[in-house]
Amino acid sequence: RATAPRPTSVTGVHGIELVWESEHVMAPLMRTCREVAALLVAREDRALGLADRFALRMHMAICDTCPRFERQMLSLRNSLQQWRNYTE
């Protein structure tokens, strides 16, 4: 079964162009939005490894939806922190 060739570069929403030579180099670092969401949730409980942090930064540079989810996670964390510290 033939597959479509992978692009050699991607331009992100911030105008950042990511270029790679081979899919074997970048494939382990490319994450889907679902995987990035799982990393963002996991980051609340534990420190991420270097490869995961780098993959997360790469994905966030080219995706316009995941940074929104990250902001929602931060907002939720801040709201819960304020609720925990609330006294009447």
C-alpha atoms as a PDB file:
ATOM      1  CA  ARG A   1       0.000   0.000   0.000  1.00  0.00           C
ATOM      2  CA  ALA A   2       1.472   3.336  -1.028  1.00  0.00           C
ATOM      3  CA  THR A   3       1.518   6.179   1.467  1.00  0.00           C
ATOM      4  CA  ALA A   4       1.620   9.882   0.765  1.00  0.00           C
ATOM      5  CA  PRO A   5       5.048  11.463   1.175  1.00  0.00           C
ATOM      6  CA  ARG A   6       5.543  13.353   4.407  1.00  0.00           C
ATOM      7  CA  PRO A   7       6.249  17.070   4.168  1.00  0.00           C
ATOM      8  CA  THR A   8       9.797  18.222   4.759  1.00  0.00           C
ATOM      9  CA  SER A   9       8.692  21.325   6.630  1.00  0.00           C
ATOM     10  CA  VAL A  10       5.736  22.668   8.553  1.00  0.00           C
ATOM     11  CA  THR A  11       4.894  26.300   9.162  1.00  0.00           C
ATOM     12  CA  GLY A  12       3.287  26.875  12.528  1.00  0.00           C
ATOM     13  CA  VAL A  13       0.665  29.365  13.553  1.00  0.00           C
ATOM     14  CA  HIS A  14       3.342  31.725  14.860  1.00  0.00           C
ATOM     15  CA  GLY A  15       5.199  31.726  11.537  1.00  0.00           C
ATOM     16  CA  ILE A  16       7.837  29.319  12.834  1.00  0.00           C
ATOM     17  CA  GLU A  17       8.999  26.909  10.157  1.00  0.00           C
ATOM     18  CA  LEU A  18      10.160  23.486  11.286  1.00  0.00           C
ATOM     19  CA  VAL A  19      12.318  21.667   8.746  1.00  0.00           C
ATOM     20  CA  TRP A  20      13.592  18.127   8.910  1.00  0.00           C
ATOM     21  CA  GLU A  21      15.652  15.910   6.690  1.00  0.00           C
ATOM     22  CA  SER A  22      14.125  12.541   7.392  1.00  0.00           C
ATOM     23  CA  GLU A  23      10.920  11.255   8.901  1.00  0.00           C
ATOM     24  CA  HIS A  24      13.048   8.875  10.977  1.00  0.00           C
ATOM     25  CA  VAL A  25      14.606  11.827  12.772  1.00  0.00           C
ATOM     26  CA  MET A  26      11.397  13.692  13.593  1.00  0.00           C
ATOM     27  CA  ALA A  27       8.830  10.898  13.836  1.00  0.00           C
ATOM     28  CA  PRO A  28       9.644  10.021  17.472  1.00  0.00           C
ATOM     29  CA  LEU A  29       9.241  13.685  18.407  1.00  0.00           C
ATOM     30  CA  MET A  30       5.969  14.355  16.598  1.00  0.00           C
ATOM     31  CA  ARG A  31       2.914  13.979  18.815  1.00  0.00           C
ATOM     32  CA  THR A  32      -0.793  14.026  18.076  1.00  0.00           C
ATOM     33  CA  CYS A  33      -3.086  16.474  19.848  1.00  0.00           C
ATOM     34  CA  ARG A  34      -4.412  13.614  21.965  1.00  0.00           C
ATOM     35  CA  GLU A  35      -0.884  12.661  23.052  1.00  0.00           C
ATOM     36  CA  VAL A  36      -0.057  16.301  23.820  1.00  0.00           C
ATOM     37  CA  ALA A  37      -3.214  16.638  25.920  1.00  0.00           C
ATOM     38  CA  ALA A  38      -2.125  13.565  27.893  1.00  0.00           C
ATOM     39  CA  LEU A  39       1.335  15.103  28.390  1.00  0.00           C
ATOM     40  CA  LEU A  40      -0.194  18.370  29.591  1.00  0.00           C
ATOM     41  CA  VAL A  41      -2.300  16.496  32.140  1.00  0.00           C
ATOM     42  CA  ALA A  42       0.647  14.317  33.209  1.00  0.00           C
ATOM     43  CA  ARG A  43       2.801  17.430  33.633  1.00  0.00           C
ATOM     44  CA  GLU A  44       0.509  18.470  36.497  1.00  0.00           C
ATOM     45  CA  ASP A  45       1.580  15.375  38.478  1.00  0.00           C
ATOM     46  CA  ARG A  46       5.155  14.684  37.435  1.00  0.00           C
ATOM     47  CA  ALA A  47       8.154  16.162  35.669  1.00  0.00           C
ATOM     48  CA  LEU A  48       8.319  15.252  31.993  1.00  0.00           C
ATOM     49  CA  GLY A  49      11.436  13.781  30.446  1.00  0.00           C
ATOM     50  CA  LEU A  50      13.566  15.720  27.984  1.00  0.00           C
ATOM     51  CA  ALA A  51      12.113  14.026  24.881  1.00  0.00           C
ATOM     52  CA  ASP A  52       8.541  14.652  26.034  1.00  0.00           C
ATOM     53  CA  ARG A  53       9.268  18.300  26.887  1.00  0.00           C
ATOM     54  CA  PHE A  54      10.873  18.862  23.480  1.00  0.00           C
ATOM     55  CA  ALA A  55       8.030  17.104  21.637  1.00  0.00           C
ATOM     56  CA  LEU A  56       5.522  19.165  23.613  1.00  0.00           C
ATOM     57  CA  ARG A  57       7.254  22.438  22.688  1.00  0.00           C
ATOM     58  CA  MET A  58       7.458  21.438  19.012  1.00  0.00           C
ATOM     59  CA  HIS A  59       3.775  20.553  18.870  1.00  0.00           C
ATOM     60  CA  MET A  60       2.724  23.715  20.695  1.00  0.00           C
ATOM     61  CA  ALA A  61       4.650  25.789  18.128  1.00  0.00           C
ATOM     62  CA  ILE A  62       2.670  24.393  15.192  1.00  0.00           C
ATOM     63  CA  CYS A  63      -0.769  23.731  16.725  1.00  0.00           C
ATOM     64  CA  ASP A  64      -3.378  26.379  17.436  1.00  0.00           C
ATOM     65  CA  THR A  65      -5.694  24.180  19.537  1.00  0.00           C
ATOM     66  CA  CYS A  66      -3.343  22.654  22.118  1.00  0.00           C
ATOM     67  CA  PRO A  67      -2.105  25.996  23.516  1.00  0.00           C
ATOM     68  CA  ARG A  68      -5.758  26.844  24.171  1.00  0.00           C
ATOM     69  CA  PHE A  69      -6.154  23.585  26.088  1.00  0.00           C
ATOM     70  CA  GLU A  70      -2.975  24.395  28.038  1.00  0.00           C
ATOM     71  CA  ARG A  71      -4.404  27.804  29.016  1.00  0.00           C
ATOM     72  CA  GLN A  72      -7.624  26.090  30.133  1.00  0.00           C
ATOM     73  CA  MET A  73      -5.604  23.661  32.268  1.00  0.00           C
ATOM     74  CA  LEU A  74      -3.688  26.542  33.864  1.00  0.00           C
ATOM     75  CA  SER A  75      -6.910  28.436  34.514  1.00  0.00           C
ATOM     76  CA  LEU A  76      -8.428  25.371  36.157  1.00  0.00           C
ATOM     77  CA  ARG A  77      -5.319  24.842  38.298  1.00  0.00           C
ATOM     78  CA  ASN A  78      -5.351  28.487  39.418  1.00  0.00           C
ATOM     79  CA  SER A  79      -9.073  28.360  40.219  1.00  0.00           C
ATOM     80  CA  LEU A  80      -8.648  25.214  42.297  1.00  0.00           C
ATOM     81  CA  GLN A  81      -5.720  26.780  44.131  1.00  0.00           C
ATOM     82  CA  GLN A  82      -7.833  29.823  44.997  1.00  0.00           C
ATOM     83  CA  TRP A  83     -10.689  27.573  46.123  1.00  0.00           C
ATOM     84  CA  ARG A  84      -8.330  25.609  48.414  1.00  0.00           C
ATOM     85  CA  ASN A  85      -7.135  28.835  50.023  1.00  0.00           C
ATOM     86  CA  TYR A  86     -10.642  30.295  50.392  1.00  0.00           C
ATOM     87  CA  THR A  87     -11.743  31.145  53.922  1.00  0.00           C
ATOM     88  CA  GLU A  88     -15.012  32.681  55.005  1.00  0.00           C
END
